[in-house]
Protein backbone atom coordinates (compact mmCIF):
# COMPACT_ATOMS: atom_id res chain seq x y z
CA MET A 1 1.85 17.90 -4.39
CA THR A 2 1.85 14.28 -3.26
CA LEU A 3 3.78 12.16 -0.78
CA SER A 4 6.41 9.68 -1.80
CA ARG A 5 5.77 6.04 -0.96
CA ARG A 6 7.96 6.44 2.13
CA GLY A 7 5.95 9.46 3.27
CA SER A 8 2.60 7.73 2.76
CA TYR A 9 3.79 4.65 4.66
CA ALA A 10 5.00 6.87 7.51
CA ALA A 11 1.58 8.50 7.77
CA ALA A 12 -0.14 5.08 7.73
CA ALA A 13 2.16 3.67 10.42
CA ALA A 14 1.65 6.76 12.61
CA ILE A 15 -2.14 6.42 12.28
CA CYS A 16 -1.85 2.78 13.35
CA LEU A 17 0.11 3.78 16.47
CA ALA A 18 -2.37 6.59 17.16
CA ARG A 19 -5.30 4.17 17.08
CA ALA A 20 -3.55 1.94 19.61
CA TYR A 21 -2.39 4.72 21.95
CA GLU A 22 -5.29 4.55 24.42
CA SER A 23 -4.83 0.81 24.93
CA GLY A 24 -1.28 1.37 26.16
CA ARG A 25 -0.15 -1.75 24.30
CA PRO A 26 2.80 -1.41 21.91
CA LYS A 27 2.19 -2.51 18.34
CA LYS A 28 4.39 -5.25 16.92
CA LEU A 29 6.07 -4.58 13.60
CA ARG A 30 4.08 -7.41 12.00
CA GLU A 31 0.84 -5.87 13.28
CA VAL A 32 1.62 -2.47 11.78
CA SER A 33 2.59 -4.18 8.53
CA ALA A 34 -0.62 -6.24 8.34
CA GLU A 35 -3.08 -3.59 9.51
CA MET A 36 -1.78 -0.84 7.22
CA ALA A 37 -0.71 -3.00 4.26
CA ILE A 38 2.92 -1.89 4.55
CA PRO A 39 5.51 -4.40 3.27
CA ARG A 40 7.49 -5.78 6.22
CA THR A 41 10.83 -4.35 5.02
CA PHE A 42 9.29 -0.88 4.61
CA ALA A 43 7.54 -1.11 8.00
CA SER A 44 10.85 -1.63 9.79
CA GLN A 45 12.42 1.40 8.09
CA ILE A 46 9.39 3.64 8.60
CA LEU A 47 9.02 2.81 12.28
CA GLY A 48 12.73 3.52 12.66
CA ASP A 49 12.17 6.95 11.10
CA LEU A 50 9.39 7.70 13.61
CA VAL A 51 11.58 6.61 16.54
CA HIS A 52 14.53 8.66 15.29
CA ALA A 53 12.27 11.73 15.05
CA GLY A 54 11.05 11.28 18.63
CA ILE A 55 7.49 10.55 17.49
CA ALA A 56 7.53 6.92 18.60
CA VAL A 57 9.45 4.76 21.06
CA SER A 58 10.32 1.10 20.78
CA ALA A 59 11.06 -1.74 23.17
CA PHE A 60 12.30 -5.29 22.64
CA GLY A 61 10.99 -8.51 24.12
CA ARG A 62 7.70 -10.38 24.27
CA ASP A 63 5.81 -7.29 25.42
CA GLY A 64 7.80 -4.94 23.23
CA GLY A 65 6.88 -3.12 20.07
CA HIS A 66 6.28 0.47 19.02
CA ARG A 67 4.04 3.15 20.49
CA LEU A 68 3.70 6.92 20.25
CA ALA A 69 6.02 8.90 22.49
CA ARG A 70 3.23 11.48 23.03
CA PRO A 71 -0.55 11.50 22.88
CA PRO A 72 -1.76 11.66 19.26
CA GLU A 73 -3.29 15.09 19.98
CA GLN A 74 0.26 16.37 20.48
CA VAL A 75 1.76 14.93 17.28
CA SER A 76 1.29 16.89 14.06
CA VAL A 77 1.09 15.45 10.57
CA ALA A 78 3.92 17.79 9.58
CA GLU A 79 6.23 16.03 12.05
CA VAL A 80 5.31 12.62 10.70
CA ILE A 81 5.82 13.56 7.05
CA GLU A 82 9.11 15.34 7.70
CA ALA A 83 10.34 12.30 9.65
CA ALA A 84 10.19 10.34 6.40
CA GLU A 85 10.50 12.98 3.69
CA GLY A 86 12.87 15.46 5.32
CA PRO A 87 12.13 19.19 5.63
CA LEU A 88 9.23 20.33 3.48
CA ALA A 89 11.08 23.51 2.57
CA SER A 90 13.29 22.57 -0.37
CA GLY A 91 16.81 23.86 -0.64
CA ARG A 92 16.69 23.42 -4.40
CA CYS A 93 15.68 26.11 -6.86
CA ALA A 94 12.15 25.63 -8.16
CA LEU A 95 13.37 26.28 -11.70
CA ARG A 96 16.26 23.85 -11.19
CA ASP A 97 19.22 24.73 -13.43
CA GLY A 98 18.47 28.18 -14.84
CA PRO A 99 20.84 30.71 -16.41
CA CYS A 100 23.66 31.92 -14.19
CA ARG A 101 21.94 35.28 -13.58
CA TRP A 102 19.34 33.35 -11.50
CA GLN A 103 21.90 32.06 -9.01
CA GLU A 104 20.78 34.69 -6.50
CA VAL A 105 17.26 35.51 -7.74
CA CYS A 106 14.57 33.09 -8.92
CA PRO A 107 11.20 34.41 -10.18
CA LEU A 108 9.42 31.47 -8.51
CA HIS A 109 11.24 31.72 -5.17
CA GLU A 110 8.76 33.89 -3.27
CA THR A 111 5.73 32.04 -4.65
CA MET A 112 7.11 28.61 -3.77
CA THR A 113 8.23 29.78 -0.34
CA THR A 114 4.73 31.08 0.43
CA ALA A 115 3.06 27.94 -0.93
CA THR A 116 5.35 25.65 1.07
CA ALA A 117 4.83 27.65 4.25
CA SER A 118 1.04 27.47 3.78
CA LEU A 119 1.17 23.72 3.22
CA ARG A 120 3.28 23.14 6.30
CA GLU A 121 0.96 25.36 8.35
CA VAL A 122 -2.01 23.17 7.43
CA LEU A 123 -0.09 19.96 8.16
CA ALA A 124 1.17 21.35 11.47
CA ALA A 125 -2.39 22.21 12.49
CA THR A 126 -3.57 18.66 11.78
CA SER A 127 -2.92 16.16 14.56
CA LEU A 128 -2.61 12.40 14.45
CA ALA A 129 -5.72 12.24 16.65
CA MET A 130 -7.68 13.97 13.88
CA LEU A 131 -6.39 11.52 11.28
CA ALA A 132 -7.15 8.52 13.50
CA ALA A 133 -10.73 9.73 14.05
CA ARG A 134 -11.15 10.31 10.32
CA ASP A 135 -9.71 6.86 9.59
CA ALA A 136 -12.21 5.25 11.97
CA ALA A 137 -15.09 7.10 10.28
CA ILE A 138 -13.91 5.96 6.84
CA ALA A 139 -13.64 2.35 8.03
CA GLY A 140 -17.11 2.59 9.57
CA GLY A 141 -18.60 4.00 6.38
CA THR A 142 -19.73 7.23 8.05
CA TYR A 143 -17.19 9.59 6.48
CA PRO A 144 -18.46 11.37 3.35
CA VAL A 145 -16.37 10.91 0.21
CA PRO A 146 -14.95 14.34 -0.77
CA ALA A 147 -16.15 15.78 -4.05
CA ASP A 148 -12.53 16.04 -5.26
CA SER A 149 -11.67 12.45 -4.31
CA HIS A 150 -9.08 10.82 -6.55
CA ARG A 151 -10.68 7.42 -6.08
CA GLN A 152 -10.43 5.64 -9.41
CA ALA A 153 -10.72 2.03 -8.26
CA ALA A 154 -12.97 -0.59 -9.79
CA ASP A 155 -14.54 -3.42 -7.79
CA VAL A 156 -13.50 -6.76 -9.17
CA ALA A 157 -13.75 -10.47 -8.35
CA ASP A 158 -12.50 -13.59 -10.09
CA SER A 159 -11.59 -17.19 -9.33
CA VAL A 160 -9.53 -20.04 -10.72
CA GLN A 161 -9.43 -23.77 -10.04
CA VAL A 162 -6.14 -25.36 -9.01
CA GLU A 163 -5.50 -29.08 -9.42
CA LEU A 164 -4.05 -29.45 -5.93
CA PRO A 165 -5.37 -30.24 -2.43
CA LEU A 166 -6.20 -27.25 -0.28
CA ALA A 167 -3.46 -28.06 2.27
CA ALA A 168 -0.73 -28.00 -0.38
CA ILE A 169 -1.83 -24.59 -1.69
CA ALA A 170 -2.24 -23.12 1.79
CA ALA A 171 1.27 -24.23 2.77
CA ARG A 172 2.76 -22.65 -0.34
CA LEU A 173 0.91 -19.35 0.03
CA SER A 174 1.60 -19.02 3.76
CA ALA A 175 5.27 -18.29 3.07
CA ALA A 176 5.00 -17.01 -0.47
CA THR A 177 5.27 -13.22 -0.32
CA ALA A 178 8.45 -13.15 -2.43
CA TRP A 179 7.02 -15.72 -4.84
CA LEU A 180 3.77 -13.79 -5.20
CA THR A 181 5.71 -10.63 -5.91
CA ALA A 182 7.51 -12.38 -8.77
CA VAL A 183 4.17 -13.62 -10.10
CA ALA A 184 2.68 -10.11 -9.96
CA GLN A 185 5.72 -8.69 -11.75
CA ALA A 186 5.28 -11.25 -14.52
CA CYS A 187 1.77 -9.94 -15.21
CA ASP A 188 3.29 -7.10 -17.24
CA GLN A 189 6.23 -8.85 -18.86
CA GLY A 190 4.33 -9.70 -22.01
CA GLU A 191 2.70 -6.97 -24.05
CA GLN A 192 3.13 -3.60 -22.29
CA GLN A 193 -0.20 -1.84 -21.83
CA ALA A 194 -1.02 1.59 -20.39
CA ASP A 195 -3.23 -0.03 -17.78
CA GLY A 196 -1.04 -3.05 -17.11
CA LEU A 197 0.75 -3.70 -13.86
CA PRO A 198 4.25 -2.12 -13.94
CA LYS A 199 7.25 -4.16 -12.91
CA THR A 200 8.09 -2.59 -9.54
CA VAL A 201 5.60 -4.48 -7.39
CA ALA A 202 5.08 -5.04 -3.67
CA VAL A 203 2.71 -7.83 -2.60
CA HIS A 204 1.45 -8.23 0.94
CA LEU A 205 -0.55 -11.31 1.96
CA SER A 206 -1.59 -11.46 5.60
CA GLN A 207 -1.97 -14.64 7.64
CA ALA A 208 -4.96 -16.70 6.49
CA VAL A 209 -7.80 -17.49 8.91
CA GLU A 210 -10.42 -20.24 8.78
CA ALA A 211 -14.03 -19.23 8.12
CA ASP A 212 -16.92 -21.46 7.00
CA GLY A 213 -14.69 -24.14 5.55
CA THR A 214 -12.53 -21.67 3.62
CA GLN A 215 -9.24 -19.92 4.31
CA GLN A 216 -9.15 -16.20 3.69
CA ALA A 217 -6.55 -13.48 4.06
CA PRO A 218 -6.21 -9.76 3.19
CA LEU A 219 -4.24 -9.25 -0.02
CA VAL A 220 -2.64 -6.03 -1.25
CA TRP A 221 -0.37 -5.34 -4.18
CA GLU A 222 0.84 -2.06 -5.60
CA ALA A 223 3.31 -0.78 -8.17
CA VAL A 224 4.88 2.46 -9.30
CA GLY A 225 3.00 3.72 -12.34
CA PRO A 226 3.38 6.61 -14.80
CA GLY A 227 3.66 10.00 -13.15
CA GLY A 228 4.24 8.42 -9.75
CA VAL A 229 0.66 7.11 -9.51
CA TYR A 230 0.48 3.74 -7.81
CA PRO A 231 -1.68 1.04 -9.41
CA ARG A 232 -3.05 -0.79 -6.39
CA PHE A 233 -5.25 -3.72 -5.54
CA GLN A 234 -6.71 -4.17 -2.07
CA GLY A 235 -9.01 -7.02 -1.22
CA GLU A 236 -9.16 -10.58 0.01
CA LEU A 237 -7.91 -13.94 -1.12
CA GLN A 238 -10.11 -16.97 -0.38
CA LEU A 239 -9.10 -20.61 -0.69
CA SER A 240 -11.62 -23.46 -0.54
CA ALA A 241 -11.59 -27.19 -1.34
CA LEU A 242 -13.71 -28.43 -4.24
CA ASP A 243 -12.76 -32.07 -3.61
CA PRO A 244 -9.74 -33.88 -2.11
CA GLU A 245 -7.60 -33.10 -5.18
CA ARG A 246 -8.93 -29.73 -6.38
CA SER A 247 -9.26 -26.29 -4.83
CA GLU A 248 -10.65 -22.90 -5.78
CA LEU A 249 -8.64 -19.72 -5.43
CA ARG A 250 -10.83 -16.60 -5.36
CA VAL A 251 -9.81 -12.96 -5.13
CA ARG A 252 -12.14 -10.01 -4.66
CA GLY A 253 -11.57 -6.36 -3.89
CA SER A 254 -10.87 -3.08 -5.70
CA TYR A 255 -8.17 -2.30 -8.24
CA ARG A 256 -6.95 1.17 -9.20
CA PRO A 257 -5.17 1.03 -12.56
CA ALA A 258 -2.42 3.29 -13.82
CA PRO A 259 -3.39 6.53 -15.59
CA GLY A 260 -4.53 6.30 -19.18
CA THR A 261 -2.85 7.82 -22.19
CA HIS A 262 -1.08 11.11 -21.45
CA HIS A 263 -1.93 10.59 -17.75
CA ARG A 264 -5.64 11.26 -18.28
CA PRO A 265 -7.75 9.45 -15.66
CA PRO A 266 -9.20 6.30 -17.26
CA GLY A 267 -12.96 6.11 -17.68
CA GLU A 268 -15.09 3.66 -15.69
CA ALA A 269 -15.30 1.10 -18.49
CA GLN A 270 -11.55 1.27 -19.02
CA ARG A 271 -10.89 0.87 -15.28
CA ARG A 272 -13.10 -2.21 -15.12
CA ARG A 273 -11.46 -3.81 -18.15
CA ALA A 274 -8.00 -3.16 -16.74
CA ALA A 275 -8.97 -4.48 -13.30
CA HIS A 276 -10.47 -7.71 -14.66
CA ALA A 277 -7.57 -8.28 -17.06
CA VAL A 278 -4.89 -7.83 -14.41
CA LEU A 279 -6.73 -9.94 -11.84
CA ARG A 280 -7.38 -12.75 -14.34
CA ASP A 281 -3.71 -12.74 -15.36
CA LEU A 282 -2.58 -12.81 -11.74
CA LEU A 283 -4.83 -15.75 -10.82
CA ARG A 284 -3.85 -17.68 -13.95
CA ARG A 285 -0.16 -17.26 -13.16
CA ILE A 286 -0.62 -18.22 -9.49
CA ALA A 287 -2.45 -21.41 -10.50
CA ALA A 288 0.18 -22.29 -13.11
CA GLY A 289 3.00 -21.70 -10.64
CA LEU A 290 1.38 -23.84 -7.95
CA GLU A 291 0.65 -26.73 -10.29
CA HIS A 292 4.09 -26.58 -11.89
CA GLU A 293 5.85 -26.74 -8.53
CA HIS A 294 3.86 -29.82 -7.46
CA ALA A 295 3.99 -31.58 -10.83
CA PRO A 296 5.73 -34.99 -10.72
CA ALA A 297 9.28 -34.96 -12.08
CA ALA A 298 9.70 -36.20 -15.65
CA ARG A 299 11.21 -39.63 -15.98
């Protein structure tokens, strides 16, 4: 059993608010979006879900934002998930549309009811404070990776030269989330491949910062893949000047491809090939789009 995208975003947003609870400072929508890699449109909806459920409160103005309505120790994961997903107990028959004699009796009913109750019991016993502490340990590299981890990502890095000044590229990328999304979608419009990037794509590029003569910003993209598995890249985009008229665009991070044939997890070699192919295609298309936009008009 897995969460929908809305449910996973709700959990991420709640963890963000839990981490900020002790400071007493509300989190701006843009901060939640950037810190948890949640697309801005989703972040607004998810935070609204948490407010509607009484988990968070919001305030407008310069000092406004969102914060937890209660200490994170008093907010359960079950509350957060149900705020986005609805009640965990389904009102639909587990066997869906069976013969009419099953209208009152379903052979899976008792089993599914027990399983759902057990799941909710575990989620209800897990607090946001526990998740926030676990999240901090993961970020600090002190949390052990579980033996049954579904991590299938491959580390990848690549770069491309763009025949444009750094300032022109930076200006285009600073307001290019929609444009980047279209570029990412185009990565799979040619030959369809099992490990390619599907067409439903969300790209999130945070505000770039200056560091050692380069501009760098967190970059995340994800898409809905076969079986509901989300191909996802998470890393960093770096932009540096090679000379007054040329720049280098470099991306590094980890990419988790879609499942392989028949939803079997891809092997390491396959993951690496898919990651490098998708990243190379993305960079090539970004460079082509940038250069095409700034090309002089034909006379």
